[in-house]
């Protein structure tokens, strides 16, 4: 059986058609004319019919009579071959030109079925959670290596010039310290006052039933000085300063300013990351101390108004209950929290590509990852301190 299609001629005389010869379960498709973007519409419908023809176990595409071809023509040929193979048949291409071979090889990946869809069709979609987990672990490993690379470069080369000369003066560090520490102090202090007041009120409400409202002071002081002061500060700084660092470095990456620094002979890690890391590691302990004082101040006010515990009595019991290790536990964790936030923010900023969508994606990732890692690190510190005390 022989089937011909009607060719559609364009203004420059280009036209495409096919001739299908059936020999039992074998279909020989002869490509005729110029298979270009503006002409393949003439052969698209009959090719799709052949793709759905279950009786054609073997399809042979003969390109001996083919004229010109572009990616659209190559794509419909590869699509036909892929569909035949997908339903269990065989497909081959005969006598392709050198240009056709190149185009067919380039468009072949676009005709392959989506792996997730193929798995679902094979009835093993239950492997999808394992695949997602594996990809997440692999991405976490890549992010860890990037972070270690940035941390190593920051520690190894604080000098900004490749030749060893320094261009980073005290002004760069003071400026970053002002942005990270001084500018963030109001919101950190305000949130700490509110959180300290809420904790004191809830603790007093529960302890009132046992006649032990004075234990509110012990509860609040240990919670704030050991955990809550540094953790709340780290979360706020990750959302405020960490996102700002990622956005700044990412915008520089988009505008190719990072590449410009390299051309100028400067070390981008030293110029962009090092001052911010130093500012975070210095500013975090200062903000933590301020947050702890603010939380205790809020607790003092609530204890006075809610439980009739005077500020003098509060401070007297606080001085007798709190020792130096309790105070230092929270402060010691602060520089490490600042280092974590800075490294993650810089890593995400340097990973930004050339689009605003990529910038928004990495800013969000920087905040989420920094908060997650900070909480995990706080848990690790808690277990370490418990082991040391025991």
Protein backbone atom coordinates (compact mmCIF):
# COMPACT_ATOMS: atom_id res chain seq x y z
CA UNK A 1 0.00 0.00 0.00
CA UNK A 2 1.34 3.44 -0.95
CA UNK A 3 0.18 6.64 0.72
CA UNK A 4 1.13 10.13 -0.44
CA UNK A 5 0.54 13.49 1.24
CA UNK A 6 -0.23 16.76 -0.44
CA UNK A 7 2.68 19.14 -0.30
CA UNK A 8 2.25 22.74 0.89
CA UNK A 9 4.43 25.14 -1.09
CA UNK A 10 5.78 28.34 0.48
CA UNK A 11 6.74 31.61 -1.14
CA UNK A 12 10.30 30.45 -1.84
CA UNK A 13 9.12 27.16 -3.33
CA UNK A 14 9.93 24.99 -0.28
CA UNK A 15 7.54 22.08 0.27
CA UNK A 16 7.41 18.88 2.32
CA UNK A 17 5.60 15.59 1.76
CA UNK A 18 5.89 11.91 2.60
CA UNK A 19 5.33 8.66 0.82
CA UNK A 20 4.41 5.66 3.01
CA UNK A 21 4.86 2.12 1.66
CA UNK A 22 3.48 -0.75 3.78
CA UNK A 23 5.15 -4.14 3.53
CA UNK A 24 3.32 -6.31 6.05
CA UNK A 25 4.14 -4.99 9.51
CA UNK A 26 6.89 -2.71 8.13
CA UNK A 27 6.18 0.87 7.11
CA UNK A 28 8.72 2.65 4.92
CA UNK A 29 8.36 6.43 5.14
CA UNK A 30 10.07 8.40 2.38
CA UNK A 31 10.73 12.03 3.34
CA UNK A 32 10.39 14.24 0.27
CA UNK A 33 11.21 17.92 -0.18
CA UNK A 34 12.32 20.51 2.34
CA UNK A 35 11.36 19.69 5.92
CA UNK A 36 11.51 23.14 7.49
CA UNK A 37 9.62 24.96 10.20
CA UNK A 38 7.21 26.52 7.68
CA UNK A 39 6.55 23.27 5.79
CA UNK A 40 6.39 20.39 8.30
CA UNK A 41 2.73 21.12 9.05
CA UNK A 42 1.92 19.22 5.84
CA UNK A 43 3.43 15.99 7.17
CA UNK A 44 2.67 16.32 10.88
CA UNK A 45 -0.83 14.75 10.78
CA UNK A 46 0.08 11.61 8.76
CA UNK A 47 3.15 11.07 10.90
CA UNK A 48 1.02 11.18 14.05
CA UNK A 49 -1.34 8.62 12.53
CA UNK A 50 1.64 6.38 11.87
CA UNK A 51 2.79 6.84 15.47
CA UNK A 52 -0.56 5.50 16.69
CA UNK A 53 -0.68 2.61 14.19
CA UNK A 54 -0.13 -0.48 16.36
CA UNK A 55 0.13 -2.74 13.26
CA UNK A 56 3.39 -1.11 12.19
CA UNK A 57 5.96 -3.03 14.21
CA UNK A 58 8.85 -1.54 12.26
CA UNK A 59 9.14 1.95 10.78
CA UNK A 60 11.90 2.90 8.37
CA UNK A 61 12.42 6.58 7.56
CA UNK A 62 14.13 7.01 4.18
CA UNK A 63 15.90 10.38 3.83
CA UNK A 64 17.41 9.78 0.40
CA UNK A 65 14.92 12.20 -1.23
CA UNK A 66 15.09 14.79 1.53
CA UNK A 67 16.15 18.32 0.60
CA UNK A 68 16.76 20.91 3.29
CA UNK A 69 16.05 20.21 6.95
CA UNK A 70 16.03 22.25 10.16
CA UNK A 71 15.33 21.45 13.80
CA UNK A 72 11.56 21.29 13.26
CA UNK A 73 11.96 18.66 10.55
CA UNK A 74 14.47 16.70 12.62
CA UNK A 75 12.16 16.85 15.62
CA UNK A 76 9.14 15.28 13.84
CA UNK A 77 11.39 12.48 12.57
CA UNK A 78 12.83 11.79 16.00
CA UNK A 79 9.37 12.05 17.53
CA UNK A 80 8.11 9.35 15.17
CA UNK A 81 11.04 7.07 16.03
CA UNK A 82 10.64 7.67 19.78
CA UNK A 83 6.90 6.93 19.76
CA UNK A 84 7.41 3.69 17.79
CA UNK A 85 10.09 2.52 20.21
CA UNK A 86 7.94 3.51 23.18
CA UNK A 87 5.14 1.15 22.08
CA UNK A 88 7.59 -1.72 21.59
CA UNK A 89 8.39 -1.39 17.87
CA UNK A 90 11.64 -0.68 16.08
CA UNK A 91 12.60 2.39 14.10
CA UNK A 92 15.56 3.29 11.92
CA UNK A 93 16.66 6.15 9.70
CA UNK A 94 18.21 5.40 6.30
CA UNK A 95 20.60 7.49 4.21
CA UNK A 96 20.62 10.66 6.34
CA UNK A 97 22.76 13.57 5.22
CA UNK A 98 25.50 14.97 7.43
CA UNK A 99 23.28 17.92 8.39
CA UNK A 100 20.38 15.58 9.19
CA UNK A 101 22.59 13.40 11.40
CA UNK A 102 23.73 16.44 13.38
CA UNK A 103 20.20 17.79 13.84
CA UNK A 104 18.73 14.40 14.74
CA UNK A 105 21.40 13.95 17.41
CA UNK A 106 20.71 17.39 18.87
CA UNK A 107 16.91 17.07 19.07
CA UNK A 108 16.89 13.47 20.30
CA UNK A 109 16.91 14.39 24.04
CA UNK A 110 13.80 16.55 23.57
CA UNK A 111 11.81 13.54 22.33
CA UNK A 112 12.63 11.30 25.28
CA UNK A 113 9.74 10.73 27.73
CA UNK A 114 9.94 12.32 31.15
CA UNK A 115 11.52 9.86 33.59
CA UNK A 116 8.92 10.46 36.28
CA UNK A 117 6.12 9.87 33.76
CA UNK A 118 7.83 6.74 32.48
CA UNK A 119 8.15 5.37 36.02
CA UNK A 120 4.49 6.07 36.67
CA UNK A 121 3.51 4.22 33.51
CA UNK A 122 5.63 1.25 34.57
CA UNK A 123 3.80 1.20 37.88
CA UNK A 124 6.79 1.96 40.13
CA UNK A 125 5.96 5.52 41.12
CA UNK A 126 6.64 4.49 44.73
CA UNK A 127 10.33 5.04 43.99
CA UNK A 128 9.70 8.75 43.56
CA UNK A 129 10.12 9.59 47.30
CA UNK A 130 13.48 7.80 47.28
CA UNK A 131 14.52 9.77 44.21
CA UNK A 132 13.53 13.08 45.82
CA UNK A 133 15.38 12.14 49.01
CA UNK A 134 18.50 11.21 47.06
CA UNK A 135 18.42 14.47 45.12
CA UNK A 136 17.99 16.44 48.35
CA UNK A 137 20.97 14.69 49.95
CA UNK A 138 23.09 15.30 46.84
CA UNK A 139 22.14 18.99 46.78
CA UNK A 140 22.91 19.28 50.50
CA UNK A 141 26.35 17.78 49.87
CA UNK A 142 27.00 20.24 47.05
CA UNK A 143 25.89 23.18 49.21
CA UNK A 144 28.17 21.97 52.02
CA UNK A 145 31.18 21.83 49.69
CA UNK A 146 30.40 25.33 48.38
CA UNK A 147 30.13 26.65 51.92
CA UNK A 148 33.42 25.03 52.95
CA UNK A 149 35.08 26.48 49.86
CA UNK A 150 33.92 29.98 50.76
CA UNK A 151 34.87 29.52 54.42
CA UNK A 152 38.31 28.24 53.46
CA UNK A 153 38.87 31.08 51.01
CA UNK A 154 37.80 33.59 53.65
CA UNK A 155 40.15 32.21 56.28
CA UNK A 156 43.05 31.65 53.90
CA UNK A 157 43.04 34.93 52.03
CA UNK A 158 41.79 38.00 53.89
CA UNK A 159 44.09 40.07 51.70
CA UNK A 160 42.15 41.49 48.77
CA UNK A 161 44.83 41.69 46.08
CA UNK A 162 46.19 38.66 44.33
CA UNK A 163 49.66 40.08 44.82
CA UNK A 164 49.23 40.34 48.57
CA UNK A 165 48.42 44.05 48.86
CA UNK A 166 45.55 45.02 51.10
CA UNK A 167 42.71 47.29 50.03
CA UNK A 168 40.33 46.54 52.93
CA UNK A 169 40.60 49.23 55.54
CA UNK A 170 38.84 49.54 58.90
CA UNK A 171 36.04 51.50 57.24
CA UNK A 172 34.78 48.39 55.42
CA UNK A 173 34.43 46.44 58.66
CA UNK A 174 32.91 49.35 60.58
CA UNK A 175 30.37 49.92 57.81
CA UNK A 176 29.29 46.28 57.81
CA UNK A 177 29.19 46.20 61.61
CA UNK A 178 26.89 49.22 61.56
CA UNK A 179 24.55 47.53 59.08
CA UNK A 180 24.57 44.14 60.81
CA UNK A 181 24.65 45.13 64.48
CA UNK A 182 23.59 48.74 65.07
CA UNK A 183 20.80 48.82 62.49
CA UNK A 184 19.40 45.49 63.67
CA UNK A 185 19.47 46.35 67.37
CA UNK A 186 16.02 48.01 67.60
CA UNK A 187 14.08 45.08 66.13
CA UNK A 188 16.11 42.54 68.11
CA UNK A 189 15.55 44.40 71.39
CA UNK A 190 11.83 44.93 70.71
CA UNK A 191 11.22 41.27 69.86
CA UNK A 192 13.26 40.13 72.85
CA UNK A 193 11.22 42.29 75.24
CA UNK A 194 7.98 40.84 73.87
CA UNK A 195 9.22 37.23 73.98
CA UNK A 196 10.62 37.63 77.51
CA UNK A 197 7.32 39.11 78.69
CA UNK A 198 5.29 36.29 77.11
CA UNK A 199 7.48 33.58 78.65
CA UNK A 200 7.28 35.17 82.09
CA UNK A 201 3.48 35.52 81.89
CA UNK A 202 2.96 31.94 80.78
CA UNK A 203 5.36 30.57 83.39
CA UNK A 204 3.72 32.60 86.17
CA UNK A 205 0.27 31.46 85.06
CA UNK A 206 1.24 27.78 85.30
CA UNK A 207 3.33 28.03 88.48
CA UNK A 208 0.60 29.98 90.31
CA UNK A 209 -1.34 26.75 90.83
CA UNK A 210 1.59 25.37 92.85
CA UNK A 211 2.32 28.54 94.80
CA UNK A 212 5.78 28.75 93.24
CA UNK A 213 5.64 31.97 91.27
CA UNK A 214 9.13 32.91 92.40
CA UNK A 215 10.44 30.08 90.22
CA UNK A 216 9.49 32.23 87.24
CA UNK A 217 12.80 34.02 87.73
CA UNK A 218 14.77 30.78 87.56
CA UNK A 219 12.82 29.56 84.54
CA UNK A 220 13.13 32.76 82.54
CA UNK A 221 16.78 33.38 83.36
CA UNK A 222 17.96 29.89 82.35
CA UNK A 223 15.85 29.81 79.19
CA UNK A 224 16.88 33.28 78.04
CA UNK A 225 20.55 33.17 78.94
CA UNK A 226 21.22 29.63 77.73
CA UNK A 227 19.05 29.24 74.63
CA UNK A 228 16.45 31.79 73.73
CA UNK A 229 18.57 34.94 73.66
CA UNK A 230 21.10 33.68 71.11
CA UNK A 231 18.58 31.60 69.14
CA UNK A 232 16.07 34.42 68.72
CA UNK A 233 18.85 36.82 67.74
CA UNK A 234 20.25 34.36 65.19
CA UNK A 235 16.83 33.80 63.60
CA UNK A 236 16.18 37.54 63.32
CA UNK A 237 19.64 38.21 61.90
CA UNK A 238 19.23 35.35 59.40
CA UNK A 239 15.98 36.85 58.17
CA UNK A 240 17.22 40.44 58.16
CA UNK A 241 20.96 40.59 57.52
CA UNK A 242 21.38 37.15 55.92
CA UNK A 243 18.82 37.91 53.22
CA UNK A 244 20.39 41.33 52.66
CA UNK A 245 23.84 39.80 52.17
CA UNK A 246 22.49 37.28 49.67
CA UNK A 247 20.60 39.98 47.78
CA UNK A 248 23.63 42.29 47.64
CA UNK A 249 26.09 39.66 46.45
CA UNK A 250 23.50 38.15 44.11
CA UNK A 251 22.80 41.54 42.52
CA UNK A 252 26.54 42.05 42.04
CA UNK A 253 26.74 38.61 40.44
CA UNK A 254 23.86 39.48 38.07
CA UNK A 255 25.51 42.77 37.04
CA UNK A 256 28.85 40.94 36.58
CA UNK A 257 30.50 43.06 39.25
CA UNK A 258 32.02 39.93 40.78
CA UNK A 259 33.72 39.17 37.46
CA UNK A 260 34.87 42.78 37.31
CA UNK A 261 36.60 42.38 40.68
CA UNK A 262 38.47 39.36 39.34
CA UNK A 263 39.54 41.31 36.25
CA UNK A 264 40.83 44.08 38.53
CA UNK A 265 42.98 41.52 40.34
CA UNK A 266 40.89 41.51 43.52
CA UNK A 267 39.70 38.52 45.47
CA UNK A 268 35.86 38.67 45.49
CA UNK A 269 35.68 36.49 48.62
CA UNK A 270 37.93 38.89 50.50
CA UNK A 271 36.20 42.04 49.26
CA UNK A 272 32.58 40.91 49.54
CA UNK A 273 32.44 38.10 52.09
CA UNK A 274 35.25 38.64 54.59
CA UNK A 275 34.05 42.01 56.02
CA UNK A 276 30.50 40.69 56.36
CA UNK A 277 31.62 37.54 58.15
CA UNK A 278 33.77 39.53 60.58
CA UNK A 279 30.88 41.93 61.23
CA UNK A 280 28.49 39.05 61.90
CA UNK A 281 30.90 37.27 64.24
CA UNK A 282 31.48 40.49 66.22
CA UNK A 283 27.91 41.76 66.08
CA UNK A 284 26.15 38.54 67.07
CA UNK A 285 27.60 38.40 70.64
CA UNK A 286 26.77 42.08 71.15
CA UNK A 287 23.23 41.61 69.91
CA UNK A 288 22.85 38.46 71.98
CA UNK A 289 23.80 40.32 75.16
CA UNK A 290 21.38 43.11 74.28
CA UNK A 291 18.63 40.57 73.55
CA UNK A 292 19.20 38.82 76.88
CA UNK A 293 18.99 42.10 78.83
CA UNK A 294 15.87 43.06 76.90
CA UNK A 295 14.18 39.69 77.53
CA UNK A 296 14.96 39.88 81.24
CA UNK A 297 13.65 43.45 81.30
CA UNK A 298 10.37 42.34 79.76
CA UNK A 299 10.17 39.49 82.27
CA UNK A 300 10.81 41.88 85.16
CA UNK A 301 7.92 44.13 84.10
CA UNK A 302 5.50 41.23 83.66
CA UNK A 303 6.54 39.61 86.96
CA UNK A 304 5.98 42.91 88.73
CA UNK A 305 2.56 43.57 87.20
CA UNK A 306 1.29 39.98 87.03
CA UNK A 307 2.82 38.30 90.08
CA UNK A 308 3.72 41.25 92.37
CA UNK A 309 7.40 40.35 92.25
CA UNK A 310 9.25 43.62 92.61
CA UNK A 311 12.21 44.39 90.32
CA UNK A 312 14.51 44.41 93.37
CA UNK A 313 13.37 40.92 94.41
CA UNK A 314 13.68 39.72 90.81
CA UNK A 315 17.26 40.99 90.49
CA UNK A 316 18.22 39.69 93.92
CA UNK A 317 17.10 36.14 93.13
CA UNK A 318 18.57 36.40 89.64
CA UNK A 319 21.97 37.35 91.07
CA UNK A 320 21.91 34.41 93.44
CA UNK A 321 20.74 31.86 90.89
CA UNK A 322 22.64 32.75 87.70
CA UNK A 323 26.36 31.99 87.54
CA UNK A 324 29.00 32.90 84.98
CA UNK A 325 28.83 29.62 82.96
CA UNK A 326 25.10 30.13 82.44
CA UNK A 327 25.77 33.58 81.01
CA UNK A 328 28.70 32.48 78.86
CA UNK A 329 26.92 29.48 77.32
CA UNK A 330 24.71 31.70 75.20
CA UNK A 331 27.41 34.25 74.37
CA UNK A 332 29.92 31.61 73.25
CA UNK A 333 27.45 30.23 70.70
CA UNK A 334 26.83 33.64 69.14
CA UNK A 335 29.99 33.95 66.95
CA UNK A 336 29.40 30.50 65.51
CA UNK A 337 25.81 31.43 64.68
CA UNK A 338 27.03 34.55 62.92
CA UNK A 339 29.58 32.51 60.98
CA UNK A 340 26.91 30.04 59.87
CA UNK A 341 24.56 32.81 58.73
CA UNK A 342 27.29 34.63 56.84
CA UNK A 343 28.67 31.57 55.04
CA UNK A 344 25.22 30.37 53.95
CA UNK A 345 24.18 33.85 52.81
CA UNK A 346 27.40 34.30 50.81
CA UNK A 347 27.11 30.83 49.28
CA UNK A 348 23.58 31.49 48.05
CA UNK A 349 24.53 34.96 46.83
CA UNK A 350 27.42 33.66 44.73
CA UNK A 351 25.12 30.95 43.30
CA UNK A 352 22.73 33.48 41.75
CA UNK A 353 22.41 33.30 37.97
CA UNK A 354 21.50 36.11 35.60
CA UNK A 355 17.79 36.51 36.38
CA UNK A 356 15.66 38.12 39.08
CA UNK A 357 13.86 34.80 39.53
CA UNK A 358 17.14 33.18 40.49
CA UNK A 359 17.86 36.03 42.91
CA UNK A 360 14.53 35.61 44.70
CA UNK A 361 14.98 31.85 44.84
CA UNK A 362 18.42 32.06 46.44
CA UNK A 363 17.41 34.79 48.91
CA UNK A 364 14.57 32.58 50.13
CA UNK A 365 16.89 29.56 50.26
CA UNK A 366 19.47 31.52 52.25
CA UNK A 367 16.96 32.47 54.96
CA UNK A 368 15.43 28.99 55.21
CA UNK A 369 18.77 27.18 55.25
CA UNK A 370 20.33 29.60 57.74
CA UNK A 371 17.44 29.27 60.20
CA UNK A 372 17.47 25.48 59.86
CA UNK A 373 21.22 25.13 60.35
CA UNK A 374 21.22 27.60 63.25
CA UNK A 375 18.56 25.57 65.09
CA UNK A 376 20.46 22.34 64.43
CA UNK A 377 23.69 23.93 65.64
CA UNK A 378 21.96 25.12 68.79
CA UNK A 379 20.85 21.55 69.47
CA UNK A 380 24.40 20.30 68.94
CA UNK A 381 25.72 22.90 71.39
CA UNK A 382 23.06 21.89 73.92
CA UNK A 383 24.13 18.23 73.74
CA UNK A 384 27.79 19.23 73.98
CA UNK A 385 27.24 21.35 77.07
CA UNK A 386 25.16 18.60 78.68
CA UNK A 387 27.97 16.09 78.05
CA UNK A 388 30.60 18.46 79.45
CA UNK A 389 28.59 19.18 82.58
CA UNK A 390 27.94 15.47 83.16
